[in-house]
Protein backbone atom coordinates (compact mmCIF):
# COMPACT_ATOMS: atom_id res chain seq x y z
CA MET A 1 151.92 126.94 103.37
CA LYS A 2 151.66 130.12 101.34
CA ILE A 3 149.86 131.84 104.20
CA ASN A 4 152.65 130.81 106.62
CA THR A 5 155.27 132.14 104.20
CA LEU A 6 153.49 135.48 103.90
CA SER A 7 153.08 135.69 107.66
CA LEU A 8 156.81 134.94 108.15
CA GLN A 9 157.72 137.55 105.55
CA LYS A 10 155.56 140.15 107.32
CA ARG A 11 157.36 139.40 110.60
CA PHE A 12 160.73 139.90 108.97
CA ILE A 13 159.51 143.13 107.38
CA ALA A 14 158.42 144.33 110.82
CA ILE A 15 161.85 143.44 112.22
CA ARG A 16 163.64 145.21 109.36
CA GLU A 17 161.62 148.39 109.77
CA ASN A 18 161.86 148.35 113.57
CA LYS A 19 163.78 151.38 114.85
CA ILE A 20 165.26 149.39 117.76
CA PHE A 21 166.65 146.81 115.34
CA GLU A 22 168.06 149.56 113.12
CA THR A 23 169.66 151.29 116.11
CA PHE A 24 171.14 147.98 117.26
CA VAL A 25 172.74 147.39 113.84
CA ILE A 26 174.19 150.93 113.87
CA ILE A 27 175.70 150.30 117.32
CA VAL A 28 177.21 147.01 116.09
CA ILE A 29 178.77 148.79 113.11
CA ILE A 30 180.26 151.45 115.43
CA VAL A 31 181.61 148.72 117.74
CA SER A 32 183.10 146.98 114.71
CA ALA A 33 184.87 150.20 113.71
CA LEU A 34 186.21 150.62 117.27
CA VAL A 35 187.49 147.05 117.31
CA ILE A 36 189.30 147.59 113.99
CA GLY A 37 190.86 150.77 115.35
CA ALA A 38 191.88 149.11 118.61
CA LYS A 39 193.69 146.36 116.73
CA THR A 40 196.12 148.91 115.30
CA TYR A 41 197.58 149.35 118.80
CA ARG A 42 199.84 146.92 120.64
CA ILE A 43 197.54 144.81 122.79
CA SER A 44 197.99 141.73 124.91
CA GLU A 45 197.06 138.24 123.72
CA ASN A 46 194.12 138.05 126.11
CA VAL A 47 192.59 141.24 124.76
CA LEU A 48 193.30 140.08 121.22
CA THR A 49 191.39 136.86 121.92
CA ILE A 50 188.44 138.90 123.19
CA PHE A 51 188.59 141.00 120.01
CA LYS A 52 188.56 137.86 117.87
CA ILE A 53 185.45 136.58 119.64
CA LEU A 54 183.85 140.01 119.31
CA ASP A 55 184.73 140.16 115.63
CA LEU A 56 183.16 136.73 115.06
CA SER A 57 180.01 137.82 116.92
CA ILE A 58 179.78 140.98 114.80
CA THR A 59 180.14 138.93 111.61
CA LEU A 60 177.32 136.61 112.72
CA ILE A 61 175.11 139.57 113.56
CA PHE A 62 175.73 141.10 110.16
CA LEU A 63 174.98 137.76 108.51
CA THR A 64 171.73 137.43 110.44
CA GLU A 65 170.76 140.99 109.58
CA ILE A 66 171.35 140.55 105.83
CA ILE A 67 169.38 137.30 105.86
CA ILE A 68 166.45 139.08 107.56
CA ARG A 69 166.53 141.81 104.91
CA MET A 70 166.68 139.26 102.09
CA ILE A 71 163.67 137.35 103.44
CA ALA A 72 161.77 140.59 104.02
CA GLU A 73 162.05 141.43 100.28
CA SER A 74 159.41 140.14 97.94
CA SER A 75 162.09 138.30 95.93
CA LEU A 76 165.86 137.92 95.74
CA LYS A 77 165.79 139.76 92.43
CA GLY A 78 164.09 142.70 94.15
CA PHE A 79 166.75 142.63 96.85
CA PHE A 80 169.70 142.66 94.45
CA THR A 81 168.22 145.39 92.24
CA LYS A 82 169.01 147.92 94.99
CA GLY A 83 172.60 149.08 94.90
CA TRP A 84 172.96 149.51 98.67
CA ASN A 85 171.70 145.94 99.27
CA VAL A 86 174.34 144.61 96.87
CA PHE A 87 177.02 146.65 98.67
CA ASP A 88 175.95 145.33 102.10
CA PHE A 89 175.79 141.78 100.81
CA ILE A 90 179.34 141.96 99.39
CA ILE A 91 180.71 143.42 102.63
CA VAL A 92 178.98 140.77 104.78
CA VAL A 93 180.03 137.88 102.57
CA ALA A 94 183.58 139.22 102.43
CA SER A 95 183.63 139.32 106.23
CA LEU A 96 183.23 135.53 106.21
CA ILE A 97 186.72 135.14 104.70
CA PRO A 98 188.89 133.39 107.31
CA MET A 99 191.64 135.69 108.56
CA GLU A 100 193.96 133.18 110.16
CA ASN A 101 196.49 131.10 108.21
CA SER A 102 195.17 132.27 104.89
CA GLU A 103 196.68 133.99 101.87
CA ALA A 104 193.62 136.26 101.86
CA VAL A 105 194.26 137.55 105.39
CA LEU A 106 195.19 141.05 104.16
CA LEU A 107 192.11 141.20 101.91
CA GLY A 108 189.92 139.99 104.78
CA ARG A 109 191.24 142.70 107.09
CA LEU A 110 190.80 145.35 104.41
CA LEU A 111 187.20 144.35 103.74
CA ARG A 112 186.47 144.38 107.46
CA VAL A 113 187.58 148.02 107.48
CA PHE A 114 184.95 148.75 104.84
CA ARG A 115 182.22 147.47 107.17
CA VAL A 116 182.18 150.97 108.62
CA LEU A 117 180.70 152.14 105.30
CA ARG A 118 177.56 150.19 106.13
CA LEU A 119 176.53 153.17 108.21
CA ILE A 120 175.88 154.95 104.92
CA SER A 121 173.51 152.28 103.67
CA ILE A 122 171.55 152.24 106.93
CA ILE A 123 171.27 155.96 107.73
CA PRO A 124 169.13 157.68 105.02
CA GLU A 125 170.73 161.12 105.48
CA LEU A 126 174.19 159.67 104.80
CA ARG A 127 172.84 157.99 101.67
CA VAL A 128 171.49 161.33 100.47
CA LEU A 129 174.85 163.03 101.11
CA LEU A 130 176.80 160.35 99.25
CA SER A 131 174.29 160.29 96.36
CA ALA A 132 174.53 164.08 96.10
CA PHE A 133 178.34 163.88 96.02
CA VAL A 134 178.38 161.18 93.32
CA THR A 135 175.75 163.03 91.25
CA ALA A 136 177.68 166.31 91.53
CA ILE A 137 181.02 164.81 90.42
CA PRO A 138 180.41 165.22 86.62
CA ARG A 139 179.42 168.88 87.00
CA MET A 140 182.27 169.49 89.42
CA GLY A 141 184.58 167.89 86.87
CA TYR A 142 183.96 170.69 84.38
CA VAL A 143 184.64 173.30 87.06
CA SER A 144 187.83 171.44 87.98
CA LEU A 145 188.88 171.38 84.32
CA LEU A 146 188.39 175.13 84.04
CA MET A 147 190.26 175.60 87.32
CA PHE A 148 193.14 173.50 85.95
CA ILE A 149 193.31 175.75 82.89
CA ILE A 150 193.53 178.82 85.14
CA PHE A 151 196.22 177.09 87.24
CA TYR A 152 198.13 176.25 84.08
CA ILE A 153 198.05 179.81 82.74
CA TYR A 154 199.09 181.34 86.04
CA ALA A 155 201.81 178.71 86.52
CA ALA A 156 203.23 179.45 83.06
CA VAL A 157 203.27 183.20 83.79
CA GLY A 158 204.79 182.67 87.24
CA SER A 159 207.51 180.40 85.87
CA MET A 160 208.39 182.98 83.19
CA PHE A 161 208.75 185.92 85.58
CA PHE A 162 209.76 184.39 88.93
CA HIS A 163 212.00 181.39 88.12
CA ASN A 164 215.15 183.48 88.68
CA ILE A 165 213.90 184.72 92.06
CA ASN A 166 213.29 181.31 93.61
CA PRO A 167 213.87 178.23 91.40
CA GLU A 168 212.56 175.94 94.15
CA LEU A 169 209.11 177.49 93.74
CA TRP A 170 209.02 178.59 90.08
CA SER A 171 211.63 176.49 88.17
CA ASN A 172 209.09 174.85 85.83
CA ILE A 173 205.36 174.75 85.25
CA SER A 174 204.70 171.69 87.43
CA ILE A 175 206.55 173.17 90.42
CA SER A 176 204.80 176.46 89.78
CA MET A 177 201.40 174.74 89.90
CA LEU A 178 202.30 173.24 93.28
CA THR A 179 203.32 176.67 94.49
CA LEU A 180 200.01 178.11 93.28
CA PHE A 181 198.20 175.33 95.10
CA ARG A 182 200.01 176.46 98.22
CA VAL A 183 198.87 180.03 97.52
CA ALA A 184 195.27 178.86 96.92
CA THR A 185 195.21 177.08 100.30
CA PHE A 186 196.64 180.20 102.00
CA GLU A 187 199.64 178.26 103.33
CA ASP A 188 202.21 181.03 103.99
CA TRP A 189 201.28 182.53 100.62
CA THR A 190 202.30 186.03 101.75
CA ASP A 191 205.91 184.86 102.10
CA VAL A 192 205.89 183.82 98.45
CA MET A 193 204.31 187.11 97.41
CA TYR A 194 206.66 189.36 99.41
CA GLU A 195 209.66 187.49 97.95
CA THR A 196 208.63 188.30 94.38
CA MET A 197 207.54 191.83 95.28
CA GLU A 198 211.17 192.68 96.10
CA ILE A 199 211.92 192.39 92.36
CA TYR A 200 208.49 193.02 90.90
CA PRO A 201 206.58 195.46 93.20
CA LEU A 202 203.34 194.97 91.24
CA SER A 203 203.42 191.16 91.48
CA TRP A 204 200.76 191.35 94.20
CA ILE A 205 198.25 191.78 91.35
CA PHE A 206 199.26 188.32 90.12
CA TYR A 207 198.59 186.69 93.51
CA LEU A 208 195.43 188.57 94.45
CA SER A 209 193.79 188.01 91.05
CA PHE A 210 194.67 184.30 91.26
CA ILE A 211 193.25 183.98 94.78
CA PHE A 212 190.08 185.85 93.80
CA VAL A 213 189.43 183.63 90.79
CA VAL A 214 190.37 180.28 92.33
CA ALA A 215 189.65 180.57 96.06
CA PHE A 216 186.51 182.70 95.82
CA VAL A 217 184.86 182.18 92.42
CA PHE A 218 185.59 178.52 91.74
CA LEU A 219 185.19 177.45 95.35
CA ASN A 220 181.75 179.06 95.51
CA MET A 221 180.85 177.40 92.21
CA MET A 222 181.76 174.03 93.73
CA ILE A 223 179.71 174.77 96.84
CA GLY A 224 176.78 175.90 94.71
CA ILE A 225 176.81 172.69 92.67
CA VAL A 226 176.92 170.53 95.80
CA LEU A 227 174.10 172.46 97.49
CA GLU A 228 171.91 172.30 94.40
CA THR A 229 172.51 168.58 93.99
CA LEU A 230 171.91 167.99 97.70
CA GLN A 231 168.57 169.80 97.50
CA GLN A 232 167.56 167.67 94.52
CA GLU A 233 168.50 164.47 96.36
CA HIS A 234 166.48 165.57 99.42
CA GLU A 235 163.47 166.24 97.18
CA LYS A 236 163.93 162.84 95.57
CA MET A 237 164.03 161.15 98.98
CA ASN A 238 160.93 163.08 100.11
CA ARG A 239 159.07 161.98 96.98
CA GLU A 240 159.96 158.35 97.64
CA ASP A 241 159.05 158.57 101.34
CA GLY A 242 156.01 160.79 100.79
CA THR A 243 157.21 163.36 103.29
CA GLY A 244 157.77 167.10 103.09
CA GLU A 245 156.63 169.50 100.41
CA ALA A 246 158.09 167.39 97.59
CA GLY A 247 156.24 164.33 98.91
CA GLU A 248 152.95 166.22 99.04
CA VAL A 249 153.42 167.48 95.48
CA HIS A 250 154.23 163.95 94.36
CA ARG A 251 151.04 162.61 95.98
CA ILE A 252 149.00 165.33 94.27
CA GLU A 253 150.59 164.40 90.92
CA LEU A 254 149.76 160.73 91.44
CA ARG A 255 146.19 161.58 92.37
CA THR A 256 145.85 163.83 89.33
CA ILE A 257 147.15 161.09 87.04
CA ASP A 258 144.77 158.60 88.64
CA MET A 259 141.83 161.01 88.21
CA GLU A 260 142.76 161.60 84.56
CA LYS A 261 142.81 157.83 83.96
CA ARG A 262 139.38 157.48 85.57
CA MET A 263 138.03 160.38 83.54
CA ASP A 264 139.35 158.77 80.35
CA SER A 265 137.73 155.45 81.33
CA MET A 266 134.42 157.20 82.06
CA GLN A 267 134.61 159.12 78.77
CA LYS A 268 135.20 155.90 76.83
CA LEU A 269 132.35 154.21 78.68
CA LEU A 270 129.98 157.09 77.91
CA GLN A 271 131.02 157.01 74.26
CA GLN A 272 130.24 153.29 74.13
CA ILE A 273 126.84 153.86 75.76
CA ALA A 274 126.10 156.67 73.31
CA LYS A 275 126.99 154.46 70.32
CA GLN A 276 124.77 151.66 71.61
CA THR A 277 121.91 154.11 72.11
CA ASN A 278 122.25 155.48 68.55
CA ILE A 279 122.28 151.97 67.13
CA ARG A 280 119.01 151.17 68.90
């Protein structure tokens, strides 16, 4: 019985790791997204019935796919220790919520929209991108805090000097920050600058210095943090998969550790042999 269980598990592992199966699941997710988008248009009852059948088929395919992945794992605990598996499981189970004549119809539709996110859990590169984004958020938060301080200072200065020129843009510090955000995104910022230059000819220094600090310095800092984090996540993935330069270095490290353990074992064995020889 145990042999049959192991054989069945190996078959499910082969199915899970099969590229054709993975591509099929990706196609189903894309079709699911297209069906959700198509339902936002006015469609006939016949087409809506077809979509309902298609949605049910997609739900059954997702359910079958998650069951295959659960059986392919060594244990249910091992399956639920992986965050992406938990995410997929929640999305699939939520898709089983009946959508017709139910108080949870809105929740069911909303969770079906999130089925598109399953592409991230299936495609490794998307997982790396999302992991890099989440990992970079704390470091980007400090940059954002410093950027907010710069915004606040410039907004206070702008409100002091320019509120009489155009109260709609500089009446208070909150409105001034919105105006500066417009300047930072280059949305007709020259119109704002030329308006204040009529009263303060040197006000261009205010705008150009703000753009240089915010749009060039801080933006490049953000990009640098994301790129660095993305590189780290790629190296982490290569170490786990054993591919690329990082994977090769990781294999060498494992072999070195293994050799050191063997050397330690041999040294202890030789010491024991030497002690026994001295005793005799």
